[in-house]
Structure formats: structure tokens, C-alpha cells
Amino acid sequence: MKHLTALVPLMLTAIFSLPALSSEEAPTAQLWQPVTEIAVQADVPELLGMPEQAQLPLVDPLFNQGRIETLAPATFWADLLSYSFFGAILLLGVFVIINGKSKLAHGFSGRKVARWSGMDVFVHWLGAISCLFLIVTGLIMVSGRFLLEPNMGVNTWIGVINTSVGLHDLMAFPFILGWAVMVLKWATKQTPEACDIGWFKVLGGYLNFGSFKGQHPDAGFANAGEKLWFWTFTAFGGLIVVSGLILMFPSLVATKDAANLSLILHLISAAILGVFTVVHIFMATVMSEGGMECMTSGYCDENWAKQHHNLWFNKLK
């Protein structure tokens, strides 16, 4: 105890004898230092349309070690998504005006055939509605800066982009559930068959001119066009799910390079799936008379089944 008591005056003398630190020399806590934000061309925040980004260079290296030299600027991705989606709508609209609808050769019979279960219908609309939300909000996030922001105030645009990002993240989860259940539940009905080649040769019998007019190719439960849509949805929908989860939860990957690669895959997959979605909607609602009924009630007209899925209908009989 005597030794400790003797040390106290020595410690006090040493402390008070230290020279005072000037304000310039005083250390600043790391937490209080200002944060510098740097906008990188075509990086995640820039592509999400975050407002008031810094001026970006025309070309900016993305990945180290030359794995991918550069990533296209945000305008490229905005054009890719916009032109693919709206271009598909325009082309199909013109096609329907020129070609007309694919009508039932013998009209509606009035007799119904069970085609989809109640669970099938529910899962379809779970995935379909969430997919439409994802398409619209995704277009706003990527293309809205060029199509919408110039006509809006800054505060309005901030509200629009924040709402779009929130809805996009929210709708991702029902889409993932719908995608997973549809793929697992319907894959066995989408296997290739010999009749698929004949279906493609006459483009499903949907053309109303020339030698194609009036042809109704053989098809089982799913025709070749529906199978093409299903496996496209399976493959690129899976890429969208995986890459989207990485963008929502970057800690799933070890490097920023992997996150940026996920962004590229997400955008390319979204463009491809967007085009196929437009075609799928047109075929069900506009082109094929009686087709929409299948996914609203789960039933189809007997003449529709005979004309579009005769092999499946013959098995039912």
C-alpha cells in the first residue's frame, strides 16, 4: 500500500507536465470523419436511379485482373429493358392487327373440360401479379431516370424511386415462391415430344394467311410454344431469383465483383424474361380465343381443347 501511495504523486506530476495538444494535433474520432461518396459508372446505386449522382466517366473499369474490362453505362441497360419490353408490345400489336386473332374453327361448344386445379390457378396468379409488379418497378428503377425524372421535381422523383425500390424488394418474395412451386409442380407436363417439331413448323397454327391458315398441329397437355415459355421462365427466372437475392443481400457473396456480375445477369435475364412475358400475355389474352379462361376458372372449352391440345383431349376421352 505504501508503494501505491508513493506512485500517485508521480503519476499526477507526469500527467500535468505533458504539453497541451493544439486543436490541429488533436485526433478526431474515426466515426466523426466525413464520408466521401464516389459514384461508379453502372454500379448498383447508379443503375437504381439514385438522384444527384456525381458526373461519371464514359468508361470505368469494373472488374480487377481484366476478367471483364468494362460495364456498359446506365443508358445501355435502360435502352435494353425499355426497347425489349415496349418493342415486344408494339410488334405483337402490329402482328395482331395484320394477322388477326386465332379463332376457334367450330366456335365454343359450351362444354367445359377441367385443365388446371385451384392450386395451379392460385400459384399462377401469385407469380404473374408479382412478376408484373417487378417488371414495372424494375423499368422505373433502370429507365425512369431518363423517361420520368426530367419531367419531375427532385423530391417527387425521390419518392417515386424509393417506392419502386421498396415494391420491387417486396414483390420479389411472392415471385420466388410462385416460381419455385410452378417449376416443381409443372415440369413433368413440359417434357419435349415428337409433335413439338410439327408445331413449330406451322407456328402453332396461329397464322391466318397462306398455307398456314387453318392448320391445327398436334399437341399434348402443353404445346411447343408453352414449353418454350416454361423452360425460359425456369432458366432465366432462376437467374433472376439468385442474382436478385444477392443484390438484396450483398453479404451472400464475398466480393464486390460477384455483386456486380449478379447485377449484369439480373438485367440481361430481366430483358429476356420481359419479352417472353409479353408474348405469353398476348397469346393468352389476345391471340388465342378462349385461352384466358384456362387460368381464370381452371376449365377450358371442349372445342378449344380439341383444336389446341388434341392429344391431351383424346387421352381424357
C-alpha atoms as a PDB file:
ATOM      1  CA  MET A   1       0.000   0.000   0.000  1.00  0.00           C
ATOM      2  CA  LYS A   2       2.875   2.394   0.815  1.00  0.00           C
ATOM      3  CA  HIS A   3       4.350   1.814  -2.649  1.00  0.00           C
ATOM      4  CA  LEU A   4       0.997   2.542  -4.355  1.00  0.00           C
ATOM      5  CA  THR A   5       0.570   5.739  -2.319  1.00  0.00           C
ATOM      6  CA  ALA A   6       4.013   6.911  -3.396  1.00  0.00           C
ATOM      7  CA  LEU A   7       3.185   6.325  -7.080  1.00  0.00           C
ATOM      8  CA  VAL A   8       0.110   8.611  -7.100  1.00  0.00           C
ATOM      9  CA  PRO A   9       2.037  11.948  -6.827  1.00  0.00           C
ATOM     10  CA  LEU A  10       4.470  10.783  -9.505  1.00  0.00           C
ATOM     11  CA  MET A  11       1.601   9.950 -11.928  1.00  0.00           C
ATOM     12  CA  LEU A  12      -0.113  13.287 -11.333  1.00  0.00           C
ATOM     13  CA  THR A  13       3.161  15.155 -11.890  1.00  0.00           C
ATOM     14  CA  ALA A  14       3.755  13.294 -15.197  1.00  0.00           C
ATOM     15  CA  ILE A  15       0.225  13.991 -16.494  1.00  0.00           C
ATOM     16  CA  PHE A  16       0.244  17.734 -15.747  1.00  0.00           C
ATOM     17  CA  SER A  17       3.768  18.133 -17.137  1.00  0.00           C
ATOM     18  CA  LEU A  18       2.700  16.880 -20.633  1.00  0.00           C
ATOM     19  CA  PRO A  19       2.485  19.650 -23.275  1.00  0.00           C
ATOM     20  CA  ALA A  20      -1.065  20.540 -24.305  1.00  0.00           C
ATOM     21  CA  LEU A  21      -2.094  19.320 -27.754  1.00  0.00           C
ATOM     22  CA  SER A  22      -3.129  22.039 -30.180  1.00  0.00           C
ATOM     23  CA  SER A  23      -6.502  21.839 -31.951  1.00  0.00           C
ATOM     24  CA  GLU A  24      -4.695  20.802 -35.134  1.00  0.00           C
ATOM     25  CA  GLU A  25      -2.915  17.953 -33.418  1.00  0.00           C
ATOM     26  CA  ALA A  26      -5.945  16.642 -31.528  1.00  0.00           C
ATOM     27  CA  PRO A  27      -7.054  13.317 -33.024  1.00  0.00           C
ATOM     28  CA  THR A  28     -10.554  13.126 -34.487  1.00  0.00           C
ATOM     29  CA  ALA A  29     -12.624  10.058 -33.815  1.00  0.00           C
ATOM     30  CA  GLN A  30     -12.922   7.883 -36.946  1.00  0.00           C
ATOM     31  CA  LEU A  31     -16.682   7.824 -36.601  1.00  0.00           C
ATOM     32  CA  TRP A  32     -16.885  11.613 -36.871  1.00  0.00           C
ATOM     33  CA  GLN A  33     -14.880  11.974 -40.044  1.00  0.00           C
ATOM     34  CA  PRO A  34     -16.891  12.948 -43.144  1.00  0.00           C
ATOM     35  CA  VAL A  35     -17.861  10.155 -45.545  1.00  0.00           C
ATOM     36  CA  THR A  36     -16.906  10.612 -49.171  1.00  0.00           C
ATOM     37  CA  GLU A  37     -19.319   9.055 -51.673  1.00  0.00           C
ATOM     38  CA  ILE A  38     -17.978   8.123 -55.094  1.00  0.00           C
ATOM     39  CA  ALA A  39     -20.375   7.243 -57.932  1.00  0.00           C
ATOM     40  CA  VAL A  40     -19.052   4.470 -60.133  1.00  0.00           C
ATOM     41  CA  GLN A  41     -20.412   4.125 -63.635  1.00  0.00           C
ATOM     42  CA  ALA A  42     -23.092   1.424 -63.950  1.00  0.00           C
ATOM     43  CA  ASP A  43     -22.677   0.366 -60.343  1.00  0.00           C
ATOM     44  CA  VAL A  44     -25.706  -0.737 -58.301  1.00  0.00           C
ATOM     45  CA  PRO A  45     -26.736   2.699 -56.889  1.00  0.00           C
ATOM     46  CA  GLU A  46     -26.259   4.374 -60.266  1.00  0.00           C
ATOM     47  CA  LEU A  47     -28.364   1.796 -62.073  1.00  0.00           C
ATOM     48  CA  LEU A  48     -31.075   2.038 -59.446  1.00  0.00           C
ATOM     49  CA  GLY A  49     -31.602   5.656 -60.450  1.00  0.00           C
ATOM     50  CA  MET A  50     -30.409   7.272 -57.260  1.00  0.00           C
ATOM     51  CA  PRO A  51     -30.717  11.061 -57.762  1.00  0.00           C
ATOM     52  CA  GLU A  52     -27.950  13.650 -57.791  1.00  0.00           C
ATOM     53  CA  GLN A  53     -25.179  11.252 -58.714  1.00  0.00           C
ATOM     54  CA  ALA A  54     -21.747  12.671 -59.448  1.00  0.00           C
ATOM     55  CA  GLN A  55     -20.515  13.083 -63.007  1.00  0.00           C
ATOM     56  CA  LEU A  56     -19.418   9.694 -64.246  1.00  0.00           C
ATOM     57  CA  PRO A  57     -16.612   8.853 -66.669  1.00  0.00           C
ATOM     58  CA  LEU A  58     -17.531   7.453 -70.069  1.00  0.00           C
ATOM     59  CA  VAL A  59     -15.714   4.195 -69.396  1.00  0.00           C
ATOM     60  CA  ASP A  60     -14.897   2.891 -65.977  1.00  0.00           C
ATOM     61  CA  PRO A  61     -13.189  -0.435 -65.235  1.00  0.00           C
ATOM     62  CA  LEU A  62     -15.473  -2.832 -63.371  1.00  0.00           C
ATOM     63  CA  PHE A  63     -13.578  -5.971 -62.503  1.00  0.00           C
ATOM     64  CA  ASN A  64      -9.964  -6.398 -61.498  1.00  0.00           C
ATOM     65  CA  GLN A  65      -7.445  -8.507 -63.401  1.00  0.00           C
ATOM     66  CA  GLY A  66      -9.215  -7.995 -66.714  1.00  0.00           C
ATOM     67  CA  ARG A  67     -11.937 -10.585 -66.103  1.00  0.00           C
ATOM     68  CA  ILE A  68     -14.464  -8.130 -67.543  1.00  0.00           C
ATOM     69  CA  GLU A  69     -12.968  -4.987 -68.966  1.00  0.00           C
ATOM     70  CA  THR A  70     -15.908  -2.583 -68.740  1.00  0.00           C
ATOM     71  CA  LEU A  71     -19.601  -2.488 -67.972  1.00  0.00           C
ATOM     72  CA  ALA A  72     -21.936  -0.610 -70.302  1.00  0.00           C
ATOM     73  CA  PRO A  73     -23.282   2.711 -68.976  1.00  0.00           C
ATOM     74  CA  ALA A  74     -26.701   3.042 -67.406  1.00  0.00           C
ATOM     75  CA  THR A  75     -28.212   4.334 -70.668  1.00  0.00           C
ATOM     76  CA  PHE A  76     -27.424   0.998 -72.343  1.00  0.00           C
ATOM     77  CA  TRP A  77     -29.303  -1.011 -69.719  1.00  0.00           C
ATOM     78  CA  ALA A  78     -32.184   1.459 -69.735  1.00  0.00           C
ATOM     79  CA  ASP A  79     -32.475   1.131 -73.515  1.00  0.00           C
ATOM     80  CA  LEU A  80     -32.161  -2.661 -73.355  1.00  0.00           C
ATOM     81  CA  LEU A  81     -35.032  -3.054 -70.897  1.00  0.00           C
ATOM     82  CA  SER A  82     -37.248  -0.358 -72.436  1.00  0.00           C
ATOM     83  CA  TYR A  83     -36.858  -1.381 -76.073  1.00  0.00           C
ATOM     84  CA  SER A  84     -37.174  -5.096 -75.361  1.00  0.00           C
ATOM     85  CA  PHE A  85     -40.379  -4.691 -73.326  1.00  0.00           C
ATOM     86  CA  PHE A  86     -42.171  -1.919 -75.189  1.00  0.00           C
ATOM     87  CA  GLY A  87     -40.778  -3.114 -78.529  1.00  0.00           C
ATOM     88  CA  ALA A  88     -42.311  -6.546 -77.980  1.00  0.00           C
ATOM     89  CA  ILE A  89     -45.679  -4.946 -77.184  1.00  0.00           C
ATOM     90  CA  LEU A  90     -45.510  -2.820 -80.336  1.00  0.00           C
ATOM     91  CA  LEU A  91     -44.501  -5.698 -82.632  1.00  0.00           C
ATOM     92  CA  LEU A  92     -47.160  -8.047 -81.274  1.00  0.00           C
ATOM     93  CA  GLY A  93     -49.774  -5.307 -81.534  1.00  0.00           C
ATOM     94  CA  VAL A  94     -48.915  -4.791 -85.202  1.00  0.00           C
ATOM     95  CA  PHE A  95     -48.930  -8.559 -85.759  1.00  0.00           C
ATOM     96  CA  VAL A  96     -52.432  -8.923 -84.299  1.00  0.00           C
ATOM     97  CA  ILE A  97     -53.701  -6.032 -86.443  1.00  0.00           C
ATOM     98  CA  ILE A  98     -52.311  -7.656 -89.619  1.00  0.00           C
ATOM     99  CA  ASN A  99     -52.888 -11.326 -88.793  1.00  0.00           C
ATOM    100  CA  GLY A 100     -55.966 -11.166 -86.599  1.00  0.00           C
ATOM    101  CA  LYS A 101     -56.832 -13.498 -83.735  1.00  0.00           C
ATOM    102  CA  SER A 102     -56.690 -17.267 -83.741  1.00  0.00           C
ATOM    103  CA  LYS A 103     -60.382 -18.128 -83.500  1.00  0.00           C
ATOM    104  CA  LEU A 104     -61.965 -21.468 -82.721  1.00  0.00           C
ATOM    105  CA  ALA A 105     -62.797 -23.218 -86.000  1.00  0.00           C
ATOM    106  CA  HIS A 106     -66.071 -24.564 -84.646  1.00  0.00           C
ATOM    107  CA  GLY A 107     -66.858 -21.899 -82.055  1.00  0.00           C
ATOM    108  CA  PHE A 108     -67.498 -22.553 -78.394  1.00  0.00           C
ATOM    109  CA  SER A 109     -69.192 -25.844 -77.581  1.00  0.00           C
ATOM    110  CA  GLY A 110     -70.416 -24.799 -74.145  1.00  0.00           C
ATOM    111  CA  ARG A 111     -68.974 -27.977 -72.631  1.00  0.00           C
ATOM    112  CA  LYS A 112     -66.138 -27.481 -70.149  1.00  0.00           C
ATOM    113  CA  VAL A 113     -63.041 -29.591 -69.590  1.00  0.00           C
ATOM    114  CA  ALA A 114     -61.039 -29.424 -66.349  1.00  0.00           C
ATOM    115  CA  ARG A 115     -57.472 -28.334 -67.158  1.00  0.00           C
ATOM    116  CA  TRP A 116     -55.914 -26.712 -64.069  1.00  0.00           C
ATOM    117  CA  SER A 117     -56.556 -27.272 -60.359  1.00  0.00           C
ATOM    118  CA  GLY A 118     -57.455 -24.483 -57.965  1.00  0.00           C
ATOM    119  CA  MET A 119     -53.913 -24.592 -56.561  1.00  0.00           C
ATOM    120  CA  ASP A 120     -52.478 -24.270 -60.078  1.00  0.00           C
ATOM    121  CA  VAL A 121     -54.590 -21.186 -60.734  1.00  0.00           C
ATOM    122  CA  PHE A 122     -53.594 -19.610 -57.406  1.00  0.00           C
ATOM    123  CA  VAL A 123     -49.878 -20.247 -57.885  1.00  0.00           C
ATOM    124  CA  HIS A 124     -50.033 -18.934 -61.453  1.00  0.00           C
ATOM    125  CA  TRP A 125     -51.557 -15.622 -60.382  1.00  0.00           C
ATOM    126  CA  LEU A 126     -49.236 -15.363 -57.393  1.00  0.00           C
ATOM    127  CA  GLY A 127     -46.281 -15.485 -59.754  1.00  0.00           C
ATOM    128  CA  ALA A 128     -47.954 -13.485 -62.536  1.00  0.00           C
ATOM    129  CA  ILE A 129     -49.047 -10.490 -60.450  1.00  0.00           C
ATOM    130  CA  SER A 130     -45.746 -10.253 -58.611  1.00  0.00           C
ATOM    131  CA  CYS A 131     -43.908 -10.590 -61.952  1.00  0.00           C
ATOM    132  CA  LEU A 132     -45.845  -7.641 -63.414  1.00  0.00           C
ATOM    133  CA  PHE A 133     -45.011  -5.542 -60.347  1.00  0.00           C
ATOM    134  CA  LEU A 134     -41.343  -6.471 -60.722  1.00  0.00           C
ATOM    135  CA  ILE A 135     -41.356  -5.531 -64.415  1.00  0.00           C
ATOM    136  CA  VAL A 136     -42.977  -2.134 -63.851  1.00  0.00           C
ATOM    137  CA  THR A 137     -40.865  -1.193 -60.824  1.00  0.00           C
ATOM    138  CA  GLY A 138     -37.734  -2.534 -62.498  1.00  0.00           C
ATOM    139  CA  LEU A 139     -38.356  -0.362 -65.557  1.00  0.00           C
ATOM    140  CA  ILE A 140     -38.816   2.674 -63.300  1.00  0.00           C
ATOM    141  CA  MET A 141     -35.626   1.893 -61.389  1.00  0.00           C
ATOM    142  CA  VAL A 142     -33.492   1.479 -64.512  1.00  0.00           C
ATOM    143  CA  SER A 143     -35.199   3.642 -67.156  1.00  0.00           C
ATOM    144  CA  GLY A 144     -37.210   6.091 -65.083  1.00  0.00           C
ATOM    145  CA  ARG A 145     -34.262   8.427 -64.674  1.00  0.00           C
ATOM    146  CA  PHE A 146     -34.341   9.064 -68.414  1.00  0.00           C
ATOM    147  CA  LEU A 147     -38.097   8.737 -69.071  1.00  0.00           C
ATOM    148  CA  LEU A 148     -39.677  10.184 -65.905  1.00  0.00           C
ATOM    149  CA  GLU A 149     -37.204  12.212 -63.855  1.00  0.00           C
ATOM    150  CA  PRO A 150     -36.773  15.059 -66.418  1.00  0.00           C
ATOM    151  CA  ASN A 151     -40.483  15.844 -66.009  1.00  0.00           C
ATOM    152  CA  MET A 152     -40.486  15.635 -62.210  1.00  0.00           C
ATOM    153  CA  GLY A 153     -39.126  17.648 -59.341  1.00  0.00           C
ATOM    154  CA  VAL A 154     -36.290  16.182 -57.291  1.00  0.00           C
ATOM    155  CA  ASN A 155     -38.488  15.418 -54.285  1.00  0.00           C
ATOM    156  CA  THR A 156     -41.147  13.763 -56.451  1.00  0.00           C
ATOM    157  CA  TRP A 157     -38.567  11.622 -58.188  1.00  0.00           C
ATOM    158  CA  ILE A 158     -37.011  10.590 -54.869  1.00  0.00           C
ATOM    159  CA  GLY A 159     -40.454   9.455 -53.701  1.00  0.00           C
ATOM    160  CA  VAL A 160     -41.094   7.546 -56.927  1.00  0.00           C
ATOM    161  CA  ILE A 161     -37.743   5.758 -56.953  1.00  0.00           C
ATOM    162  CA  ASN A 162     -37.864   4.889 -53.247  1.00  0.00           C
ATOM    163  CA  THR A 163     -41.400   3.491 -53.621  1.00  0.00           C
ATOM    164  CA  SER A 164     -40.337   1.486 -56.671  1.00  0.00           C
ATOM    165  CA  VAL A 165     -37.321   0.012 -54.894  1.00  0.00           C
ATOM    166  CA  GLY A 166     -39.459  -0.902 -51.874  1.00  0.00           C
ATOM    167  CA  LEU A 167     -42.167  -2.565 -54.002  1.00  0.00           C
ATOM    168  CA  HIS A 168     -39.540  -4.345 -56.075  1.00  0.00           C
ATOM    169  CA  ASP A 169     -37.978  -5.870 -52.977  1.00  0.00           C
ATOM    170  CA  LEU A 170     -41.387  -6.742 -51.524  1.00  0.00           C
ATOM    171  CA  MET A 171     -42.727  -8.430 -54.669  1.00  0.00           C
ATOM    172  CA  ALA A 172     -39.562 -10.499 -55.008  1.00  0.00           C
ATOM    173  CA  PHE A 173     -40.696 -12.944 -52.328  1.00  0.00           C
ATOM    174  CA  PRO A 174     -44.098 -13.951 -53.782  1.00  0.00           C
ATOM    175  CA  PHE A 175     -42.395 -14.221 -57.168  1.00  0.00           C
ATOM    176  CA  ILE A 176     -39.768 -16.579 -55.745  1.00  0.00           C
ATOM    177  CA  LEU A 177     -42.479 -18.712 -54.140  1.00  0.00           C
ATOM    178  CA  GLY A 178     -44.598 -18.791 -57.311  1.00  0.00           C
ATOM    179  CA  TRP A 179     -41.584 -19.550 -59.487  1.00  0.00           C
ATOM    180  CA  ALA A 180     -40.414 -22.423 -57.284  1.00  0.00           C
ATOM    181  CA  VAL A 181     -43.843 -24.069 -56.990  1.00  0.00           C
ATOM    182  CA  MET A 182     -44.645 -23.737 -60.708  1.00  0.00           C
ATOM    183  CA  VAL A 183     -41.288 -25.183 -61.759  1.00  0.00           C
ATOM    184  CA  LEU A 184     -41.548 -28.140 -59.387  1.00  0.00           C
ATOM    185  CA  LYS A 185     -45.251 -28.785 -59.996  1.00  0.00           C
ATOM    186  CA  TRP A 186     -45.433 -28.378 -63.780  1.00  0.00           C
ATOM    187  CA  ALA A 187     -42.073 -29.623 -65.054  1.00  0.00           C
ATOM    188  CA  THR A 188     -43.367 -33.132 -65.766  1.00  0.00           C
ATOM    189  CA  LYS A 189     -46.037 -31.687 -68.069  1.00  0.00           C
ATOM    190  CA  GLN A 190     -43.481 -29.729 -70.097  1.00  0.00           C
ATOM    191  CA  THR A 191     -41.268 -32.534 -71.415  1.00  0.00           C
ATOM    192  CA  PRO A 192     -40.438 -32.446 -75.158  1.00  0.00           C
ATOM    193  CA  GLU A 193     -42.487 -34.616 -77.524  1.00  0.00           C
ATOM    194  CA  ALA A 194     -42.173 -35.607 -81.187  1.00  0.00           C
ATOM    195  CA  CYS A 195     -45.175 -33.447 -82.101  1.00  0.00           C
ATOM    196  CA  ASP A 196     -43.339 -30.285 -80.957  1.00  0.00           C
ATOM    197  CA  ILE A 197     -41.357 -30.110 -84.198  1.00  0.00           C
ATOM    198  CA  GLY A 198     -44.554 -30.138 -86.257  1.00  0.00           C
ATOM    199  CA  TRP A 199     -45.996 -27.418 -84.031  1.00  0.00           C
ATOM    200  CA  PHE A 200     -43.059 -25.118 -84.745  1.00  0.00           C
ATOM    201  CA  LYS A 201     -43.203 -25.842 -88.495  1.00  0.00           C
ATOM    202  CA  VAL A 202     -46.646 -24.231 -88.744  1.00  0.00           C
ATOM    203  CA  LEU A 203     -46.052 -21.776 -85.853  1.00  0.00           C
ATOM    204  CA  GLY A 204     -48.797 -23.373 -83.829  1.00  0.00           C
ATOM    205  CA  GLY A 205     -51.449 -22.735 -86.457  1.00  0.00           C
ATOM    206  CA  TYR A 206     -51.870 -19.132 -85.300  1.00  0.00           C
ATOM    207  CA  LEU A 207     -51.167 -17.614 -88.733  1.00  0.00           C
ATOM    208  CA  ASN A 208     -54.233 -16.675 -90.770  1.00  0.00           C
ATOM    209  CA  PHE A 209     -52.685 -16.442 -94.231  1.00  0.00           C
ATOM    210  CA  GLY A 210     -51.076 -18.596 -96.898  1.00  0.00           C
ATOM    211  CA  SER A 211     -50.592 -22.323 -96.415  1.00  0.00           C
ATOM    212  CA  PHE A 212     -50.523 -21.825 -92.629  1.00  0.00           C
ATOM    213  CA  LYS A 213     -54.170 -20.796 -92.438  1.00  0.00           C
ATOM    214  CA  GLY A 214     -56.489 -23.306 -90.813  1.00  0.00           C
ATOM    215  CA  GLN A 215     -53.755 -25.677 -89.648  1.00  0.00           C
ATOM    216  CA  HIS A 216     -54.060 -27.097 -86.149  1.00  0.00           C
ATOM    217  CA  PRO A 217     -50.921 -29.062 -85.226  1.00  0.00           C
ATOM    218  CA  ASP A 218     -50.933 -31.884 -82.717  1.00  0.00           C
ATOM    219  CA  ALA A 219     -50.131 -31.021 -79.115  1.00  0.00           C
ATOM    220  CA  GLY A 220     -50.296 -32.719 -75.756  1.00  0.00           C
ATOM    221  CA  PHE A 221     -51.136 -31.024 -72.469  1.00  0.00           C
ATOM    222  CA  ALA A 222     -48.648 -28.267 -73.338  1.00  0.00           C
ATOM    223  CA  ASN A 223     -47.812 -27.257 -76.886  1.00  0.00           C
ATOM    224  CA  ALA A 224     -44.274 -26.476 -78.043  1.00  0.00           C
ATOM    225  CA  GLY A 225     -44.723 -22.724 -77.556  1.00  0.00           C
ATOM    226  CA  GLU A 226     -45.870 -23.186 -73.977  1.00  0.00           C
ATOM    227  CA  LYS A 227     -42.905 -25.468 -73.310  1.00  0.00           C
ATOM    228  CA  LEU A 228     -40.518 -22.877 -74.711  1.00  0.00           C
ATOM    229  CA  TRP A 229     -42.060 -20.276 -72.416  1.00  0.00           C
ATOM    230  CA  PHE A 230     -41.947 -22.612 -69.401  1.00  0.00           C
ATOM    231  CA  TRP A 231     -38.269 -23.529 -69.737  1.00  0.00           C
ATOM    232  CA  THR A 232     -37.314 -19.917 -70.462  1.00  0.00           C
ATOM    233  CA  PHE A 233     -39.207 -18.918 -67.333  1.00  0.00           C
ATOM    234  CA  THR A 234     -37.480 -21.706 -65.406  1.00  0.00           C
ATOM    235  CA  ALA A 235     -33.937 -20.830 -66.506  1.00  0.00           C
ATOM    236  CA  PHE A 236     -33.986 -17.030 -66.577  1.00  0.00           C
ATOM    237  CA  GLY A 237     -36.434 -16.821 -63.690  1.00  0.00           C
ATOM    238  CA  GLY A 238     -33.930 -18.843 -61.673  1.00  0.00           C
ATOM    239  CA  LEU A 239     -31.132 -16.453 -62.649  1.00  0.00           C
ATOM    240  CA  ILE A 240     -33.311 -13.519 -61.629  1.00  0.00           C
ATOM    241  CA  VAL A 241     -34.067 -15.126 -58.273  1.00  0.00           C
ATOM    242  CA  VAL A 242     -30.423 -15.915 -57.434  1.00  0.00           C
ATOM    243  CA  SER A 243     -28.981 -12.629 -58.700  1.00  0.00           C
ATOM    244  CA  GLY A 244     -31.796 -10.640 -57.103  1.00  0.00           C
ATOM    245  CA  LEU A 245     -31.191 -12.189 -53.696  1.00  0.00           C
ATOM    246  CA  ILE A 246     -27.507 -11.306 -53.999  1.00  0.00           C
ATOM    247  CA  LEU A 247     -28.408  -7.694 -54.828  1.00  0.00           C
ATOM    248  CA  MET A 248     -30.768  -7.550 -51.857  1.00  0.00           C
ATOM    249  CA  PHE A 249     -28.314  -9.280 -49.512  1.00  0.00           C
ATOM    250  CA  PRO A 250     -24.753  -8.485 -50.740  1.00  0.00           C
ATOM    251  CA  SER A 251     -23.257 -10.351 -47.805  1.00  0.00           C
ATOM    252  CA  LEU A 252     -24.166 -13.584 -49.602  1.00  0.00           C
ATOM    253  CA  VAL A 253     -21.112 -13.086 -51.819  1.00  0.00           C
ATOM    254  CA  ALA A 254     -17.515 -12.429 -50.810  1.00  0.00           C
ATOM    255  CA  THR A 255     -16.566  -9.705 -53.296  1.00  0.00           C
ATOM    256  CA  LYS A 256     -17.982  -6.621 -54.968  1.00  0.00           C
ATOM    257  CA  ASP A 257     -17.112  -8.209 -58.301  1.00  0.00           C
ATOM    258  CA  ALA A 258     -19.600 -11.008 -57.649  1.00  0.00           C
ATOM    259  CA  ALA A 259     -22.298  -8.470 -56.765  1.00  0.00           C
ATOM    260  CA  ASN A 260     -21.698  -6.537 -59.986  1.00  0.00           C
ATOM    261  CA  LEU A 261     -21.768  -9.753 -62.012  1.00  0.00           C
ATOM    262  CA  SER A 262     -25.107 -10.549 -60.376  1.00  0.00           C
ATOM    263  CA  LEU A 263     -26.354  -7.142 -61.479  1.00  0.00           C
ATOM    264  CA  ILE A 264     -25.399  -7.871 -65.097  1.00  0.00           C
ATOM    265  CA  LEU A 265     -27.096 -11.286 -65.028  1.00  0.00           C
ATOM    266  CA  HIS A 266     -30.162  -9.772 -63.375  1.00  0.00           C
ATOM    267  CA  LEU A 267     -30.592  -7.118 -66.059  1.00  0.00           C
ATOM    268  CA  ILE A 268     -29.993  -9.450 -69.016  1.00  0.00           C
ATOM    269  CA  SER A 269     -32.339 -12.093 -67.590  1.00  0.00           C
ATOM    270  CA  ALA A 270     -34.977  -9.443 -66.911  1.00  0.00           C
ATOM    271  CA  ALA A 271     -34.829  -8.229 -70.524  1.00  0.00           C
ATOM    272  CA  ILE A 272     -35.219 -11.763 -71.920  1.00  0.00           C
ATOM    273  CA  LEU A 273     -37.953 -12.777 -69.494  1.00  0.00           C
ATOM    274  CA  GLY A 274     -39.758  -9.480 -70.091  1.00  0.00           C
ATOM    275  CA  VAL A 275     -40.058 -10.209 -73.830  1.00  0.00           C
ATOM    276  CA  PHE A 276     -41.322 -13.740 -73.213  1.00  0.00           C
ATOM    277  CA  THR A 277     -43.791 -12.437 -70.630  1.00  0.00           C
ATOM    278  CA  VAL A 278     -45.272 -10.031 -73.168  1.00  0.00           C
ATOM    279  CA  VAL A 279     -45.619 -12.854 -75.727  1.00  0.00           C
ATOM    280  CA  HIS A 280     -47.198 -15.121 -73.107  1.00  0.00           C
ATOM    281  CA  ILE A 281     -49.754 -12.472 -72.132  1.00  0.00           C
ATOM    282  CA  PHE A 282     -50.612 -11.725 -75.777  1.00  0.00           C
ATOM    283  CA  MET A 283     -51.101 -15.393 -76.592  1.00  0.00           C
ATOM    284  CA  ALA A 284     -53.385 -15.951 -73.620  1.00  0.00           C
ATOM    285  CA  THR A 285     -55.466 -12.783 -73.784  1.00  0.00           C
ATOM    286  CA  VAL A 286     -55.471 -11.628 -77.415  1.00  0.00           C
ATOM    287  CA  MET A 287     -54.298 -14.274 -79.865  1.00  0.00           C
ATOM    288  CA  SER A 288     -55.958 -17.462 -78.616  1.00  0.00           C
ATOM    289  CA  GLU A 289     -59.735 -17.253 -78.427  1.00  0.00           C
ATOM    290  CA  GLY A 290     -60.839 -18.952 -75.214  1.00  0.00           C
ATOM    291  CA  GLY A 291     -57.321 -19.264 -73.841  1.00  0.00           C
ATOM    292  CA  MET A 292     -57.660 -16.859 -70.920  1.00  0.00           C
ATOM    293  CA  GLU A 293     -60.467 -18.908 -69.406  1.00  0.00           C
ATOM    294  CA  CYS A 294     -57.998 -21.684 -68.566  1.00  0.00           C
ATOM    295  CA  MET A 295     -56.272 -19.612 -65.904  1.00  0.00           C
ATOM    296  CA  THR A 296     -59.330 -17.835 -64.528  1.00  0.00           C
ATOM    297  CA  SER A 297     -61.627 -20.792 -63.898  1.00  0.00           C
ATOM    298  CA  GLY A 298     -59.267 -23.733 -64.394  1.00  0.00           C
ATOM    299  CA  TYR A 299     -61.541 -25.031 -67.171  1.00  0.00           C
ATOM    300  CA  CYS A 300     -61.385 -24.760 -70.948  1.00  0.00           C
ATOM    301  CA  ASP A 301     -63.982 -25.184 -73.667  1.00  0.00           C
ATOM    302  CA  GLU A 302     -64.071 -28.620 -75.285  1.00  0.00           C
ATOM    303  CA  ASN A 303     -63.537 -27.201 -78.777  1.00  0.00           C
ATOM    304  CA  TRP A 304     -60.556 -25.193 -77.535  1.00  0.00           C
ATOM    305  CA  ALA A 305     -59.021 -28.388 -76.138  1.00  0.00           C
ATOM    306  CA  LYS A 306     -59.633 -30.252 -79.417  1.00  0.00           C
ATOM    307  CA  GLN A 307     -58.068 -27.500 -81.525  1.00  0.00           C
ATOM    308  CA  HIS A 308     -55.035 -26.594 -79.409  1.00  0.00           C
ATOM    309  CA  HIS A 309     -54.318 -29.731 -77.333  1.00  0.00           C
ATOM    310  CA  ASN A 310     -55.927 -32.605 -79.211  1.00  0.00           C
ATOM    311  CA  LEU A 311     -53.560 -35.342 -77.997  1.00  0.00           C
ATOM    312  CA  TRP A 312     -54.255 -34.422 -74.377  1.00  0.00           C
ATOM    313  CA  PHE A 313     -58.001 -34.228 -75.024  1.00  0.00           C
ATOM    314  CA  ASN A 314     -58.033 -37.638 -76.708  1.00  0.00           C
ATOM    315  CA  LYS A 315     -56.401 -39.152 -73.624  1.00  0.00           C
ATOM    316  CA  LEU A 316     -59.125 -37.642 -71.455  1.00  0.00           C
ATOM    317  CA  LYS A 317     -61.804 -39.327 -73.526  1.00  0.00           C
END
